[in-house]
Protein backbone atom coordinates (compact mmCIF):
# COMPACT_ATOMS: atom_id res chain seq x y z
CA UNK A 1 18.63 -17.31 26.69
CA UNK A 2 16.00 -19.57 28.20
CA UNK A 3 12.39 -19.83 27.10
CA UNK A 4 11.23 -18.02 30.23
CA UNK A 5 13.55 -15.10 29.47
CA UNK A 6 12.33 -15.00 25.88
CA UNK A 7 8.72 -14.90 27.02
CA UNK A 8 9.58 -12.15 29.49
CA UNK A 9 11.19 -10.05 26.77
CA UNK A 10 8.25 -10.61 24.40
CA UNK A 11 6.13 -8.33 26.59
CA UNK A 12 7.65 -5.46 24.62
CA UNK A 13 5.89 -6.78 21.52
CA UNK A 14 2.44 -6.52 23.07
CA UNK A 15 1.76 -2.87 22.06
CA UNK A 16 2.70 -3.54 18.43
CA UNK A 17 0.56 -6.68 18.31
CA UNK A 18 -2.31 -4.72 19.86
CA UNK A 19 -1.92 -2.01 17.21
CA UNK A 20 -1.95 -4.58 14.40
CA UNK A 21 -5.01 -6.26 15.90
CA UNK A 22 -6.81 -2.91 16.16
CA UNK A 23 -6.15 -2.04 12.52
CA UNK A 24 -6.99 -5.46 11.11
CA UNK A 25 -9.90 -5.94 13.50
CA UNK A 26 -11.55 -2.66 12.57
CA UNK A 27 -11.24 -3.49 8.87
CA UNK A 28 -12.32 -7.13 9.06
CA UNK A 29 -15.25 -6.42 11.37
CA UNK A 30 -16.58 -3.78 8.99
CA UNK A 31 -16.33 -0.95 11.50
CA UNK A 32 -13.85 0.98 9.36
CA UNK A 33 -12.81 1.19 5.75
CA UNK A 34 -9.19 0.72 4.73
CA UNK A 35 -8.57 4.46 4.88
CA UNK A 36 -10.11 4.74 8.34
CA UNK A 37 -8.08 1.77 9.54
CA UNK A 38 -4.90 3.40 8.20
CA UNK A 39 -5.72 6.53 10.18
CA UNK A 40 -6.24 4.40 13.29
CA UNK A 41 -2.85 2.78 12.67
CA UNK A 42 -1.07 6.11 12.28
CA UNK A 43 -2.69 7.56 15.37
CA UNK A 44 -1.92 4.40 17.35
CA UNK A 45 1.70 4.43 16.21
CA UNK A 46 2.06 8.08 17.24
CA UNK A 47 0.56 7.34 20.65
CA UNK A 48 2.81 4.29 21.14
CA UNK A 49 5.95 6.18 20.20
CA UNK A 50 4.99 9.07 22.49
CA UNK A 51 4.37 6.68 25.39
CA UNK A 52 7.70 4.94 24.82
CA UNK A 53 9.56 8.25 24.64
CA UNK A 54 10.73 7.73 21.07
CA UNK A 55 8.72 10.59 19.58
CA UNK A 56 10.66 13.80 19.06
CA UNK A 57 10.86 16.39 16.32
CA UNK A 58 13.66 14.63 14.43
CA UNK A 59 12.02 11.20 14.45
CA UNK A 60 8.68 12.71 13.42
CA UNK A 61 10.34 14.57 10.53
CA UNK A 62 12.21 11.41 9.48
CA UNK A 63 9.02 9.37 9.47
CA UNK A 64 7.21 12.02 7.38
CA UNK A 65 10.08 12.08 4.89
CA UNK A 66 10.15 8.28 4.72
CA UNK A 67 6.42 8.13 4.10
CA UNK A 68 6.67 10.81 1.41
CA UNK A 69 9.49 8.96 -0.33
CA UNK A 70 7.55 5.71 -0.25
CA UNK A 71 4.44 7.39 -1.66
CA UNK A 72 6.46 9.00 -4.45
CA UNK A 73 8.02 5.66 -5.38
CA UNK A 74 4.60 4.04 -5.57
CA UNK A 75 3.24 6.94 -7.63
CA UNK A 76 6.14 6.67 -10.09
CA UNK A 77 5.57 2.92 -10.46
CA UNK A 78 1.88 3.54 -11.15
CA UNK A 79 2.67 6.29 -13.66
CA UNK A 80 5.07 3.95 -15.46
CA UNK A 81 2.49 1.18 -15.53
CA UNK A 82 -0.15 3.53 -16.92
CA UNK A 83 2.27 4.79 -19.55
CA UNK A 84 3.17 1.26 -20.62
CA UNK A 85 -0.48 0.22 -20.69
CA UNK A 86 -1.42 3.13 -22.91
CA UNK A 87 1.59 2.93 -25.18
CA UNK A 88 1.68 -0.84 -25.63
CA UNK A 89 -1.96 -1.75 -25.29
CA UNK A 90 -4.16 0.97 -26.66
CA UNK A 91 -1.92 2.36 -29.38
CA UNK A 92 -0.95 -1.05 -30.67
CA UNK A 93 -4.63 -1.95 -30.69
CA UNK A 94 -5.43 1.07 -32.85
CA UNK A 95 -2.82 -0.10 -35.33
CA UNK A 96 -3.85 -3.77 -35.40
CA UNK A 97 -7.64 -3.59 -35.37
CA UNK A 98 -8.16 -1.52 -38.55
CA UNK A 99 -6.10 -4.07 -40.51
CA UNK A 100 -8.15 -6.89 -39.01
CA UNK A 101 -11.42 -5.21 -39.91
CA UNK A 102 -10.24 -4.58 -43.48
CA UNK A 103 -9.38 -8.27 -43.85
CA UNK A 104 -12.77 -9.34 -42.54
CA UNK A 105 -14.58 -6.90 -44.80
CA UNK A 106 -12.60 -8.10 -47.83
CA UNK A 107 -13.68 -11.73 -47.40
CA UNK A 108 -16.61 -12.82 -49.52
CA UNK A 109 -19.65 -13.85 -47.53
CA UNK A 110 -21.36 -17.16 -48.20
């Protein structure tokens, strides 16, 4: 495949690059927050897939299920991190600090 053919085929990437630029540009310019930019990205992806003819009921359902699975995985990771933080950090601190304070209080002051 020659360079000219590769450049000709890269025209199919233009809509995706435009979508990425819209999301990042709205966030970096201060026009939108991260949540607003995510909504712009979702809406843009839906419009692009509808224009390309790839949007149907099955693909829409599959994308919703994939997003839900991803969100659940992230939520489980966060729940595990919170559990470990509380169990290892706070509870161990409650066991260690009283002993430390008793030692400091037992020392004679000069």
